[in-house]
């Protein structure tokens, strides 16, 4: 894999995450008519968890005893997975569903655009991720494009308890996005399986507790399938794969493009008219994406000694360690995972805030 491919593949993962997530609302509307919100979220998460479990079992059968390329989830990862489940899988959807009952749809749609902004703010100021002027500019442009796309002049915008709840849900999802970075080097299918099953069961219990009912047995498989592909399923797997290479703020910005794909899916499935602001919003979004993907970041930096376990190849500047006999063989793509050590090194090369470049920057 050459340097150009190493840079493009994470961007492809992030784009696929936005595509799958953006398809969730219109596809759900196409296949189903009416279901109570928390039960819907519970079935989506259960679908993602059960789908990942099926893939894991299938991959083990297909590998026929060969070790997986990705690093397995360990007990040390459970606190982060718990945080992802609590903030992103339980608190955020529950708070959002209750808040939207007190908030106009147009207002809620606008406020939900706060999630990528909150994700970037947390990444930069709390989790110390490198976010330069170019990324701040991309964040501003992409957020502006989403605001244009979701603006409804007939909606009444006002700060209310419901509106504050929508913003709080965005904060919970932003925390989920940043916590997810801590397990982005691990097997993404296992991470999403654990998050999906735990969040689905807890949210389902809350839904039943407040009196919501299961849909018809005919509809349940469809909800589970939608969850597997979009709401917390493959969309989240691609999100984790992008996280490990380009960091939280940048991946979160790509996920902010999902409303555009939602508009396209709505047009294809329902022939809904395109929002009159779509051309302008699309141009602004393209400019924001250009700032995002054309970022060049290089400076002298020091890698402190580090011992960790993740999927890696040996054709980069960071994995020159010697293998013992116990190390698993590399896959067909030249990658494998095992516990390995990095010595302290100081060098200068283009990089993103990936698993090996989480050094401090002056903000």
Protein backbone atom coordinates (compact mmCIF):
# COMPACT_ATOMS: atom_id res chain seq x y z
CA UNK A 1 0.00 0.00 0.00
CA UNK A 2 1.57 3.31 -1.08
CA UNK A 3 1.39 6.65 0.74
CA UNK A 4 -1.46 7.96 -1.40
CA UNK A 5 -3.60 4.90 -0.67
CA UNK A 6 -2.84 5.20 3.03
CA UNK A 7 -4.31 8.71 2.93
CA UNK A 8 -7.33 7.97 0.72
CA UNK A 9 -8.64 4.82 2.41
CA UNK A 10 -9.50 6.52 5.75
CA UNK A 11 -11.35 9.24 3.81
CA UNK A 12 -13.29 6.51 1.99
CA UNK A 13 -14.18 4.90 5.33
CA UNK A 14 -15.41 8.24 6.69
CA UNK A 15 -17.48 8.88 3.54
CA UNK A 16 -19.06 5.42 3.70
CA UNK A 17 -19.96 6.07 7.33
CA UNK A 18 -21.78 9.25 6.28
CA UNK A 19 -23.54 7.44 3.42
CA UNK A 20 -24.84 4.63 5.63
CA UNK A 21 -25.86 6.96 8.44
CA UNK A 22 -27.53 9.38 6.04
CA UNK A 23 -29.61 6.55 4.59
CA UNK A 24 -31.11 5.63 7.96
CA UNK A 25 -34.04 8.08 8.15
CA UNK A 26 -35.29 7.83 4.52
CA UNK A 27 -34.89 4.04 4.37
CA UNK A 28 -36.78 3.66 7.65
CA UNK A 29 -39.53 5.90 6.32
CA UNK A 30 -39.70 3.86 3.13
CA UNK A 31 -40.12 0.45 4.78
CA UNK A 32 -42.12 1.23 7.91
CA UNK A 33 -44.99 3.45 8.88
CA UNK A 34 -45.21 4.06 12.61
CA UNK A 35 -43.25 2.94 15.66
CA UNK A 36 -42.51 4.54 19.00
CA UNK A 37 -39.09 6.28 19.05
CA UNK A 38 -37.19 4.59 21.88
CA UNK A 39 -38.26 1.12 20.76
CA UNK A 40 -37.08 2.03 17.27
CA UNK A 41 -33.65 3.08 18.61
CA UNK A 42 -33.46 -0.12 20.67
CA UNK A 43 -34.18 -2.33 17.65
CA UNK A 44 -31.65 -0.42 15.54
CA UNK A 45 -28.90 -0.94 18.12
CA UNK A 46 -29.84 -4.60 18.61
CA UNK A 47 -29.67 -5.02 14.83
CA UNK A 48 -26.17 -3.55 14.77
CA UNK A 49 -25.02 -5.78 17.64
CA UNK A 50 -26.56 -8.98 16.30
CA UNK A 51 -25.29 -8.21 12.80
CA UNK A 52 -21.75 -7.73 14.05
CA UNK A 53 -22.00 -10.97 16.05
CA UNK A 54 -23.04 -12.80 12.88
CA UNK A 55 -20.12 -11.31 10.95
CA UNK A 56 -17.65 -12.24 13.69
CA UNK A 57 -18.83 -15.86 13.71
CA UNK A 58 -18.77 -15.98 9.90
CA UNK A 59 -15.24 -14.56 9.75
CA UNK A 60 -13.96 -17.11 12.27
CA UNK A 61 -15.39 -19.94 10.18
CA UNK A 62 -13.95 -18.44 6.99
CA UNK A 63 -10.47 -17.94 8.50
CA UNK A 64 -10.33 -21.62 9.55
CA UNK A 65 -8.17 -21.05 12.60
CA UNK A 66 -6.03 -18.24 11.20
CA UNK A 67 -5.60 -15.29 13.62
CA UNK A 68 -7.53 -12.10 12.85
CA UNK A 69 -5.67 -9.06 11.56
CA UNK A 70 -7.25 -6.69 14.08
CA UNK A 71 -6.37 -6.55 17.75
CA UNK A 72 -8.99 -8.20 20.00
CA UNK A 73 -10.98 -6.29 22.60
CA UNK A 74 -9.60 -6.77 26.12
CA UNK A 75 -10.87 -6.03 29.61
CA UNK A 76 -8.94 -2.73 29.54
CA UNK A 77 -11.20 -1.54 26.70
CA UNK A 78 -14.45 -2.16 28.58
CA UNK A 79 -14.58 1.27 30.32
CA UNK A 80 -14.39 3.01 26.94
CA UNK A 81 -16.97 0.68 25.40
CA UNK A 82 -19.21 1.34 28.39
CA UNK A 83 -18.80 5.08 27.85
CA UNK A 84 -19.69 4.72 24.18
CA UNK A 85 -22.80 2.69 25.06
CA UNK A 86 -23.97 5.01 27.84
CA UNK A 87 -23.37 8.36 26.10
CA UNK A 88 -24.01 7.43 22.46
CA UNK A 89 -26.34 4.44 22.74
CA UNK A 90 -28.54 5.29 25.72
CA UNK A 91 -28.38 8.89 26.97
CA UNK A 92 -28.24 10.62 23.56
CA UNK A 93 -31.23 8.87 21.92
CA UNK A 94 -33.34 8.96 25.10
CA UNK A 95 -32.70 12.68 25.69
CA UNK A 96 -33.26 13.44 22.00
CA UNK A 97 -36.58 11.58 21.76
CA UNK A 98 -37.98 13.33 24.85
CA UNK A 99 -36.63 16.71 23.74
CA UNK A 100 -38.09 16.47 20.24
CA UNK A 101 -41.56 16.12 21.77
CA UNK A 102 -41.15 19.70 23.03
CA UNK A 103 -39.29 21.06 19.99
CA UNK A 104 -40.43 21.85 16.47
CA UNK A 105 -38.97 19.56 13.83
CA UNK A 106 -37.28 22.45 11.98
CA UNK A 107 -35.68 23.71 15.18
CA UNK A 108 -34.51 20.23 16.15
CA UNK A 109 -33.04 19.64 12.72
CA UNK A 110 -31.02 22.85 12.95
CA UNK A 111 -29.81 22.14 16.46
CA UNK A 112 -28.60 18.64 15.56
CA UNK A 113 -25.93 20.28 13.42
CA UNK A 114 -24.20 21.14 16.70
CA UNK A 115 -22.89 17.56 17.01
CA UNK A 116 -19.86 17.89 14.66
CA UNK A 117 -19.02 21.26 16.22
CA UNK A 118 -19.15 19.79 19.73
CA UNK A 119 -17.12 16.80 18.54
CA UNK A 120 -14.40 19.08 17.20
CA UNK A 121 -14.40 21.30 20.30
CA UNK A 122 -14.06 18.32 22.64
CA UNK A 123 -11.38 16.78 20.43
CA UNK A 124 -9.31 19.96 20.38
CA UNK A 125 -9.72 21.40 23.87
CA UNK A 126 -10.39 18.36 26.08
CA UNK A 127 -8.76 15.42 24.29
CA UNK A 128 -5.88 17.54 22.92
CA UNK A 129 -6.22 16.51 19.27
CA UNK A 130 -4.43 18.65 16.70
CA UNK A 131 -7.01 20.91 15.02
CA UNK A 132 -5.52 23.70 12.92
CA UNK A 133 -6.99 26.74 11.18
CA UNK A 134 -7.78 24.75 8.04
CA UNK A 135 -9.87 22.23 9.99
CA UNK A 136 -11.65 25.00 11.90
CA UNK A 137 -12.46 26.57 8.53
CA UNK A 138 -13.76 23.26 7.20
CA UNK A 139 -15.87 22.84 10.33
CA UNK A 140 -17.40 26.28 9.86
CA UNK A 141 -18.21 25.73 6.18
CA UNK A 142 -19.65 22.22 6.60
CA UNK A 143 -21.75 23.34 9.56
CA UNK A 144 -23.00 26.33 7.56
CA UNK A 145 -23.97 24.05 4.67
CA UNK A 146 -25.89 21.74 7.04
CA UNK A 147 -27.69 24.72 8.57
CA UNK A 148 -28.74 25.91 5.12
CA UNK A 149 -29.96 22.46 4.18
CA UNK A 150 -32.04 22.03 7.34
CA UNK A 151 -33.37 25.60 7.56
CA UNK A 152 -37.14 25.93 7.50
CA UNK A 153 -38.44 29.54 7.56
CA UNK A 154 -41.80 28.33 8.85
CA UNK A 155 -40.16 26.89 11.97
CA UNK A 156 -40.01 29.00 15.11
CA UNK A 157 -36.54 29.01 16.60
CA UNK A 158 -36.32 29.67 20.28
CA UNK A 159 -34.32 28.48 23.24
CA UNK A 160 -36.57 26.21 25.27
CA UNK A 161 -36.11 23.24 27.54
CA UNK A 162 -36.66 20.95 24.54
CA UNK A 163 -34.09 22.83 22.45
CA UNK A 164 -31.58 22.61 25.29
CA UNK A 165 -32.25 18.86 25.41
CA UNK A 166 -31.40 18.51 21.70
CA UNK A 167 -28.11 20.31 22.31
CA UNK A 168 -27.44 18.04 25.29
CA UNK A 169 -28.01 14.99 23.07
CA UNK A 170 -25.45 16.41 20.62
CA UNK A 171 -22.98 16.77 23.49
CA UNK A 172 -23.55 13.14 24.48
CA UNK A 173 -22.90 11.99 20.90
CA UNK A 174 -19.81 14.20 20.73
CA UNK A 175 -18.48 12.51 23.87
CA UNK A 176 -19.27 9.13 22.30
CA UNK A 177 -17.28 10.10 19.20
CA UNK A 178 -14.26 11.16 21.25
CA UNK A 179 -14.34 8.15 23.57
CA UNK A 180 -14.55 5.89 20.51
CA UNK A 181 -11.08 7.02 19.51
CA UNK A 182 -9.63 5.14 22.49
CA UNK A 183 -10.74 1.79 21.00
CA UNK A 184 -10.35 2.65 17.31
CA UNK A 185 -7.27 0.43 17.07
CA UNK A 186 -9.20 -2.63 18.21
CA UNK A 187 -11.42 -4.99 16.22
CA UNK A 188 -14.26 -2.65 15.11
CA UNK A 189 -16.80 -5.47 14.71
CA UNK A 190 -16.35 -6.55 18.33
CA UNK A 191 -16.55 -2.95 19.58
CA UNK A 192 -19.80 -2.26 17.73
CA UNK A 193 -21.23 -5.64 18.74
CA UNK A 194 -20.70 -4.84 22.43
CA UNK A 195 -22.03 -1.29 22.05
CA UNK A 196 -25.04 -2.38 19.99
CA UNK A 197 -26.17 -5.23 22.23
CA UNK A 198 -25.68 -3.32 25.50
CA UNK A 199 -27.28 -0.09 24.23
CA UNK A 200 -30.12 -1.96 22.52
CA UNK A 201 -31.03 -3.98 25.60
CA UNK A 202 -30.87 -0.98 27.95
CA UNK A 203 -32.82 1.33 25.63
CA UNK A 204 -35.38 -1.43 24.99
CA UNK A 205 -35.85 -1.88 28.74
CA UNK A 206 -36.42 1.88 29.14
CA UNK A 207 -38.91 1.83 26.24
CA UNK A 208 -40.92 -0.99 27.80
CA UNK A 209 -40.74 0.72 31.21
CA UNK A 210 -42.42 3.86 29.86
CA UNK A 211 -45.08 1.87 28.04
CA UNK A 212 -43.81 1.59 24.48
CA UNK A 213 -44.68 -1.57 22.58
CA UNK A 214 -42.86 -3.82 20.15
CA UNK A 215 -43.91 -3.47 16.50
CA UNK A 216 -45.38 -6.37 14.58
CA UNK A 217 -43.15 -9.41 14.18
CA UNK A 218 -43.15 -8.81 10.43
CA UNK A 219 -41.47 -5.41 10.87
CA UNK A 220 -38.86 -6.39 13.48
CA UNK A 221 -36.41 -8.07 11.02
CA UNK A 222 -36.51 -4.96 8.82
CA UNK A 223 -35.65 -2.70 11.76
CA UNK A 224 -32.79 -5.00 12.75
CA UNK A 225 -31.47 -5.00 9.19
CA UNK A 226 -31.57 -1.20 8.97
CA UNK A 227 -29.68 -1.04 12.27
CA UNK A 228 -27.06 -3.42 10.94
CA UNK A 229 -26.34 -1.22 7.93
CA UNK A 230 -26.85 2.31 9.18
CA UNK A 231 -27.86 3.19 12.74
CA UNK A 232 -24.86 2.05 14.75
CA UNK A 233 -23.96 -0.85 12.45
CA UNK A 234 -21.66 -0.73 9.44
CA UNK A 235 -21.80 3.07 9.64
CA UNK A 236 -20.11 2.87 13.06
CA UNK A 237 -17.58 0.26 11.87
CA UNK A 238 -16.44 2.59 9.09
CA UNK A 239 -16.42 5.45 11.60
CA UNK A 240 -14.00 3.56 13.86
CA UNK A 241 -11.79 2.60 10.92
CA UNK A 242 -11.54 6.26 9.92
CA UNK A 243 -10.94 7.35 13.51
CA UNK A 244 -7.78 5.29 13.84
CA UNK A 245 -6.17 7.11 10.90
CA UNK A 246 -7.48 10.70 10.78
CA UNK A 247 -8.71 11.43 14.31
CA UNK A 248 -12.01 12.44 15.83
CA UNK A 249 -12.55 16.00 14.59
CA UNK A 250 -11.92 15.13 10.95
CA UNK A 251 -14.01 11.94 11.01
CA UNK A 252 -16.81 13.81 12.77
CA UNK A 253 -16.81 16.41 10.00
CA UNK A 254 -17.26 13.71 7.38
CA UNK A 255 -20.17 12.31 9.38
CA UNK A 256 -21.72 15.79 9.23
CA UNK A 257 -22.15 15.20 5.49
CA UNK A 258 -24.83 12.56 6.18
CA UNK A 259 -27.76 15.05 5.72
CA UNK A 260 -26.71 15.50 2.08
CA UNK A 261 -26.84 11.76 1.49
CA UNK A 262 -30.17 11.72 3.35
CA UNK A 263 -31.53 14.26 0.86
CA UNK A 264 -30.32 12.13 -2.06
CA UNK A 265 -31.88 8.96 -0.63
CA UNK A 266 -35.15 10.82 0.00
CA UNK A 267 -35.16 12.02 -3.60
CA UNK A 268 -34.48 8.52 -4.96
CA UNK A 269 -37.00 6.73 -2.73
CA UNK A 270 -39.82 9.28 -2.49
CA UNK A 271 -39.05 11.76 -5.29
CA UNK A 272 -39.18 14.47 -2.65
CA UNK A 273 -38.34 17.92 -4.02
CA UNK A 274 -34.81 19.08 -3.40
CA UNK A 275 -34.53 21.87 -0.83
CA UNK A 276 -34.18 25.19 -2.66
CA UNK A 277 -31.00 25.93 -0.72
CA UNK A 278 -29.43 22.60 -1.72
CA UNK A 279 -27.22 23.94 -4.59
CA UNK A 280 -25.72 26.68 -2.40
CA UNK A 281 -25.35 24.35 0.59
CA UNK A 282 -23.72 21.74 -1.65
CA UNK A 283 -21.15 24.23 -2.97
CA UNK A 284 -20.29 25.38 0.56
CA UNK A 285 -20.00 21.75 1.64
CA UNK A 286 -17.65 20.98 -1.27
CA UNK A 287 -15.42 23.88 -0.24
CA UNK A 288 -15.39 22.62 3.35
CA UNK A 289 -14.52 19.10 2.23
CA UNK A 290 -11.72 20.48 0.05
CA UNK A 291 -10.20 22.24 3.07
CA UNK A 292 -10.54 19.00 4.99
CA UNK A 293 -8.94 16.60 2.50
CA UNK A 294 -6.23 18.99 1.29
CA UNK A 295 -4.84 19.57 4.76
CA UNK A 296 -1.07 19.14 4.95
CA UNK A 297 0.36 18.88 8.43
CA UNK A 298 4.07 18.25 8.97
CA UNK A 299 6.54 19.34 11.65
CA UNK A 300 9.26 17.95 13.86
CA UNK A 301 7.61 15.84 16.54
CA UNK A 302 8.69 13.33 19.15
CA UNK A 303 7.14 9.92 19.72
CA UNK A 304 7.42 8.92 23.36
CA UNK A 305 8.04 5.24 24.18
CA UNK A 306 4.78 3.34 23.70
CA UNK A 307 3.58 -0.23 23.99
CA UNK A 308 0.24 -1.10 22.39
CA UNK A 309 -1.58 -3.63 20.24
CA UNK A 310 -3.28 -2.80 16.95
CA UNK A 311 -3.43 -3.76 13.29
CA UNK A 312 -0.35 -2.58 11.43
CA UNK A 313 1.97 -3.13 8.48
CA UNK A 314 5.74 -2.67 8.31
CA UNK A 315 6.03 -0.36 5.32
CA UNK A 316 5.63 2.87 7.30
CA UNK A 317 7.90 4.99 9.49
CA UNK A 318 6.72 3.62 12.81
CA UNK A 319 6.80 -0.18 12.79
CA UNK A 320 10.36 -1.42 12.49
CA UNK A 321 10.27 -3.75 15.51
CA UNK A 322 11.72 -7.27 15.38
CA UNK A 323 9.36 -10.23 15.54
CA UNK A 324 9.67 -13.32 17.65
CA UNK A 325 8.37 -16.78 16.88
CA UNK A 326 5.11 -16.15 18.74
CA UNK A 327 4.00 -13.31 16.44
CA UNK A 328 1.09 -14.18 14.10
CA UNK A 329 1.83 -14.17 10.36
CA UNK A 330 0.82 -11.23 8.23
CA UNK A 331 -2.37 -11.33 6.17
CA UNK A 332 -2.62 -11.11 2.39
CA UNK A 333 -2.52 -7.31 2.76
CA UNK A 334 0.74 -7.46 4.72
CA UNK A 335 -0.88 -6.61 8.07
CA UNK A 336 -1.20 -8.28 11.46
CA UNK A 337 -1.75 -7.34 15.10
CA UNK A 338 0.23 -8.09 18.22
CA UNK A 339 1.63 -6.31 21.25
CA UNK A 340 4.63 -4.27 20.15
CA UNK A 341 6.83 -1.48 21.49
CA UNK A 342 7.81 1.87 19.97
CA UNK A 343 11.07 3.47 20.97
CA UNK A 344 11.39 7.22 21.38
CA UNK A 345 12.02 8.87 18.05
CA UNK A 346 12.04 12.42 16.73
CA UNK A 347 11.38 13.04 13.05
CA UNK A 348 9.52 15.20 10.56
CA UNK A 349 6.94 13.95 8.05
CA UNK A 350 3.31 14.59 6.99
CA UNK A 351 0.86 13.04 9.44
CA UNK A 352 -2.68 13.08 10.80
CA UNK A 353 -3.76 12.57 14.45
CA UNK A 354 -3.77 8.79 14.09
CA UNK A 355 -2.85 6.17 16.70
CA UNK A 356 0.80 7.24 16.61
CA UNK A 357 0.42 11.00 16.37
CA UNK A 358 -1.39 12.20 19.47
CA UNK A 359 1.33 14.57 20.57
CA UNK A 360 0.45 17.98 21.95
CA UNK A 361 0.13 21.06 19.78
CA UNK A 362 -0.19 24.72 20.64
CA UNK A 363 -3.80 25.66 19.99
